[in-house]
Amino acid sequence: MRILYASERPPYPFFLGGAVRCAHMLLQGMSRDLATDCRAVGSSE
């Protein structure tokens, strides 16, 4: 399975907001526990 997380904000660690950290932790967990390919993309500004 492949998961793409797209946001208007930069992905973690470029932006340190709470929602971004939570999304990062969820993607890491799914990647590790479910052997899923997870990617995060966001704005460069």
PDB file of N, CA and C in Angstrom:
ATOM      1  N   MET A   1       0.847  -1.164   0.000  1.00  0.00           N
ATOM      2  CA  MET A   1       0.000   0.000   0.000  1.00  0.00           C
ATOM      3  C   MET A   1       0.898   1.235   0.000  1.00  0.00           C
ATOM      4  N   ARG A   2       0.450   2.272  -0.663  1.00  0.00           N
ATOM      5  CA  ARG A   2       1.163   3.546  -0.687  1.00  0.00           C
ATOM      6  C   ARG A   2       0.254   4.647  -0.169  1.00  0.00           C
ATOM      7  N   ILE A   3       0.806   5.508   0.672  1.00  0.00           N
ATOM      8  CA  ILE A   3       0.044   6.615   1.241  1.00  0.00           C
ATOM      9  C   ILE A   3       0.792   7.908   0.976  1.00  0.00           C
ATOM     10  N   LEU A   4       0.079   8.896   0.450  1.00  0.00           N
ATOM     11  CA  LEU A   4       0.644  10.220   0.215  1.00  0.00           C
ATOM     12  C   LEU A   4      -0.108  11.207   1.092  1.00  0.00           C
ATOM     13  N   TYR A   5       0.613  11.908   1.946  1.00  0.00           N
ATOM     14  CA  TYR A   5       0.039  12.948   2.794  1.00  0.00           C
ATOM     15  C   TYR A   5       0.409  14.290   2.173  1.00  0.00           C
ATOM     16  N   ALA A   6      -0.573  15.025   1.689  1.00  0.00           N
ATOM     17  CA  ALA A   6      -0.339  16.325   1.063  1.00  0.00           C
ATOM     18  C   ALA A   6      -0.959  17.424   1.921  1.00  0.00           C
ATOM     19  N   SER A   7      -0.199  18.499   2.111  1.00  0.00           N
ATOM     20  CA  SER A   7      -0.648  19.593   2.960  1.00  0.00           C
ATOM     21  C   SER A   7      -0.212  20.925   2.370  1.00  0.00           C
ATOM     22  N   GLU A   8      -0.905  21.996   2.759  1.00  0.00           N
ATOM     23  CA  GLU A   8      -0.499  23.337   2.338  1.00  0.00           C
ATOM     24  C   GLU A   8       0.722  23.811   3.110  1.00  0.00           C
ATOM     25  N   ARG A   9       0.993  23.200   4.235  1.00  0.00           N
ATOM     26  CA  ARG A   9       2.152  23.581   5.047  1.00  0.00           C
ATOM     27  C   ARG A   9       3.325  22.652   4.743  1.00  0.00           C
ATOM     28  N   PRO A  10       4.535  23.107   5.027  1.00  0.00           N
ATOM     29  CA  PRO A  10       5.699  22.239   4.823  1.00  0.00           C
ATOM     30  C   PRO A  10       5.629  21.025   5.741  1.00  0.00           C
ATOM     31  N   PRO A  11       6.162  19.883   5.310  1.00  0.00           N
ATOM     32  CA  PRO A  11       6.150  18.698   6.165  1.00  0.00           C
ATOM     33  C   PRO A  11       7.162  18.820   7.311  1.00  0.00           C
ATOM     34  N   TYR A  12       6.997  17.981   8.319  1.00  0.00           N
ATOM     35  CA  TYR A  12       7.935  17.898   9.438  1.00  0.00           C
ATOM     36  C   TYR A  12       9.281  17.448   8.903  1.00  0.00           C
ATOM     37  N   PRO A  13      10.389  17.944   9.269  1.00  0.00           N
ATOM     38  CA  PRO A  13      10.730  18.874  10.350  1.00  0.00           C
ATOM     39  C   PRO A  13      10.806  20.330   9.914  1.00  0.00           C
ATOM     40  N   PHE A  14      10.381  20.656   8.702  1.00  0.00           N
ATOM     41  CA  PHE A  14      10.463  22.030   8.220  1.00  0.00           C
ATOM     42  C   PHE A  14       9.408  22.927   8.865  1.00  0.00           C
ATOM     43  N   PHE A  15       8.346  22.360   9.340  1.00  0.00           N
ATOM     44  CA  PHE A  15       7.303  23.073  10.079  1.00  0.00           C
ATOM     45  C   PHE A  15       7.033  22.263  11.331  1.00  0.00           C
ATOM     46  N   LEU A  16       6.995  22.915  12.496  1.00  0.00           N
ATOM     47  CA  LEU A  16       6.922  22.179  13.759  1.00  0.00           C
ATOM     48  C   LEU A  16       5.579  22.290  14.470  1.00  0.00           C
ATOM     49  N   GLY A  17       4.507  22.521  13.728  1.00  0.00           N
ATOM     50  CA  GLY A  17       3.177  22.605  14.332  1.00  0.00           C
ATOM     51  C   GLY A  17       2.692  21.241  14.828  1.00  0.00           C
ATOM     52  N   GLY A  18       1.700  21.246  15.693  1.00  0.00           N
ATOM     53  CA  GLY A  18       1.207  20.016  16.303  1.00  0.00           C
ATOM     54  C   GLY A  18       0.591  19.037  15.320  1.00  0.00           C
ATOM     55  N   ALA A  19      -0.206  19.541  14.358  1.00  0.00           N
ATOM     56  CA  ALA A  19      -0.839  18.656  13.383  1.00  0.00           C
ATOM     57  C   ALA A  19       0.207  17.979  12.497  1.00  0.00           C
ATOM     58  N   VAL A  20       1.243  18.720  12.151  1.00  0.00           N
ATOM     59  CA  VAL A  20       2.303  18.172  11.306  1.00  0.00           C
ATOM     60  C   VAL A  20       3.071  17.092  12.058  1.00  0.00           C
ATOM     61  N   ARG A  21       3.341  17.325  13.326  1.00  0.00           N
ATOM     62  CA  ARG A  21       4.041  16.303  14.138  1.00  0.00           C
ATOM     63  C   ARG A  21       3.192  15.045  14.281  1.00  0.00           C
ATOM     64  N   CYS A  22       1.896  15.223  14.495  1.00  0.00           N
ATOM     65  CA  CYS A  22       0.984  14.087  14.627  1.00  0.00           C
ATOM     66  C   CYS A  22       0.941  13.286  13.328  1.00  0.00           C
ATOM     67  N   ALA A  23       0.822  13.974  12.195  1.00  0.00           N
ATOM     68  CA  ALA A  23       0.806  13.291  10.899  1.00  0.00           C
ATOM     69  C   ALA A  23       2.114  12.538  10.680  1.00  0.00           C
ATOM     70  N   HIS A  24       3.222  13.143  11.057  1.00  0.00           N
ATOM     71  CA  HIS A  24       4.532  12.494  10.920  1.00  0.00           C
ATOM     72  C   HIS A  24       4.587  11.204  11.737  1.00  0.00           C
ATOM     73  N   MET A  25       4.115  11.268  12.979  1.00  0.00           N
ATOM     74  CA  MET A  25       4.127  10.083  13.843  1.00  0.00           C
ATOM     75  C   MET A  25       3.208   8.985  13.295  1.00  0.00           C
ATOM     76  N   LEU A  26       2.036   9.368  12.781  1.00  0.00           N
ATOM     77  CA  LEU A  26       1.119   8.386  12.205  1.00  0.00           C
ATOM     78  C   LEU A  26       1.718   7.725  10.959  1.00  0.00           C
ATOM     79  N   LEU A  27       2.321   8.524  10.093  1.00  0.00           N
ATOM     80  CA  LEU A  27       2.947   7.967   8.888  1.00  0.00           C
ATOM     81  C   LEU A  27       4.115   7.052   9.245  1.00  0.00           C
ATOM     82  N   GLN A  28       4.910   7.442  10.226  1.00  0.00           N
ATOM     83  CA  GLN A  28       6.020   6.586  10.669  1.00  0.00           C
ATOM     84  C   GLN A  28       5.499   5.257  11.198  1.00  0.00           C
ATOM     85  N   GLY A  29       4.445   5.308  12.014  1.00  0.00           N
ATOM     86  CA  GLY A  29       3.876   4.088  12.575  1.00  0.00           C
ATOM     87  C   GLY A  29       3.321   3.167  11.505  1.00  0.00           C
ATOM     88  N   MET A  30       2.603   3.723  10.536  1.00  0.00           N
ATOM     89  CA  MET A  30       2.052   2.893   9.459  1.00  0.00           C
ATOM     90  C   MET A  30       3.166   2.302   8.605  1.00  0.00           C
ATOM     91  N   SER A  31       4.198   3.092   8.365  1.00  0.00           N
ATOM     92  CA  SER A  31       5.316   2.609   7.567  1.00  0.00           C
ATOM     93  C   SER A  31       6.010   1.447   8.261  1.00  0.00           C
ATOM     94  N   ARG A  32       6.204   1.566   9.551  1.00  0.00           N
ATOM     95  CA  ARG A  32       6.909   0.546  10.321  1.00  0.00           C
ATOM     96  C   ARG A  32       6.036  -0.690  10.569  1.00  0.00           C
ATOM     97  N   ASP A  33       4.819  -0.500  11.057  1.00  0.00           N
ATOM     98  CA  ASP A  33       3.983  -1.616  11.496  1.00  0.00           C
ATOM     99  C   ASP A  33       3.246  -2.320  10.359  1.00  0.00           C
ATOM    100  N   LEU A  34       2.895  -1.586   9.314  1.00  0.00           N
ATOM    101  CA  LEU A  34       2.112  -2.176   8.229  1.00  0.00           C
ATOM    102  C   LEU A  34       2.913  -2.362   6.941  1.00  0.00           C
ATOM    103  N   ALA A  35       4.217  -2.076   7.008  1.00  0.00           N
ATOM    104  CA  ALA A  35       5.084  -2.166   5.826  1.00  0.00           C
ATOM    105  C   ALA A  35       4.493  -1.380   4.659  1.00  0.00           C
ATOM    106  N   THR A  36       4.058  -0.145   4.964  1.00  0.00           N
ATOM    107  CA  THR A  36       3.436   0.731   3.983  1.00  0.00           C
ATOM    108  C   THR A  36       4.438   1.779   3.541  1.00  0.00           C
ATOM    109  N   ASP A  37       4.416   2.149   2.276  1.00  0.00           N
ATOM    110  CA  ASP A  37       5.268   3.208   1.751  1.00  0.00           C
ATOM    111  C   ASP A  37       4.546   4.538   1.954  1.00  0.00           C
ATOM    112  N   CYS A  38       5.041   5.382   2.859  1.00  0.00           N
ATOM    113  CA  CYS A  38       4.393   6.650   3.202  1.00  0.00           C
ATOM    114  C   CYS A  38       5.269   7.819   2.794  1.00  0.00           C
ATOM    115  N   ARG A  39       4.664   8.831   2.184  1.00  0.00           N
ATOM    116  CA  ARG A  39       5.361  10.048   1.767  1.00  0.00           C
ATOM    117  C   ARG A  39       4.561  11.251   2.205  1.00  0.00           C
ATOM    118  N   ALA A  40       5.275  12.338   2.533  1.00  0.00           N
ATOM    119  CA  ALA A  40       4.625  13.595   2.908  1.00  0.00           C
ATOM    120  C   ALA A  40       5.160  14.706   2.001  1.00  0.00           C
ATOM    121  N   VAL A  41       4.256  15.494   1.458  1.00  0.00           N
ATOM    122  CA  VAL A  41       4.640  16.642   0.639  1.00  0.00           C
ATOM    123  C   VAL A  41       3.886  17.860   1.135  1.00  0.00           C
ATOM    124  N   GLY A  42       4.482  19.018   0.935  1.00  0.00           N
ATOM    125  CA  GLY A  42       3.836  20.246   1.362  1.00  0.00           C
ATOM    126  C   GLY A  42       4.414  21.442   0.640  1.00  0.00           C
ATOM    127  N   SER A  43       3.944  22.599   1.027  1.00  0.00           N
ATOM    128  CA  SER A  43       4.387  23.849   0.416  1.00  0.00           C
ATOM    129  C   SER A  43       5.843  24.115   0.782  1.00  0.00           C
ATOM    130  N   SER A  44       6.551  24.814  -0.080  1.00  0.00           N
ATOM    131  CA  SER A  44       7.937  25.170   0.219  1.00  0.00           C
ATOM    132  C   SER A  44       8.035  26.521   0.912  1.00  0.00           C
ATOM    133  N   GLU A  45       6.916  27.159   1.159  1.00  0.00           N
ATOM    134  CA  GLU A  45       6.915  28.470   1.823  1.00  0.00           C
ATOM    135  C   GLU A  45       6.505  28.364   3.259  1.00  0.00           C
TER     136      GLU A  45
END
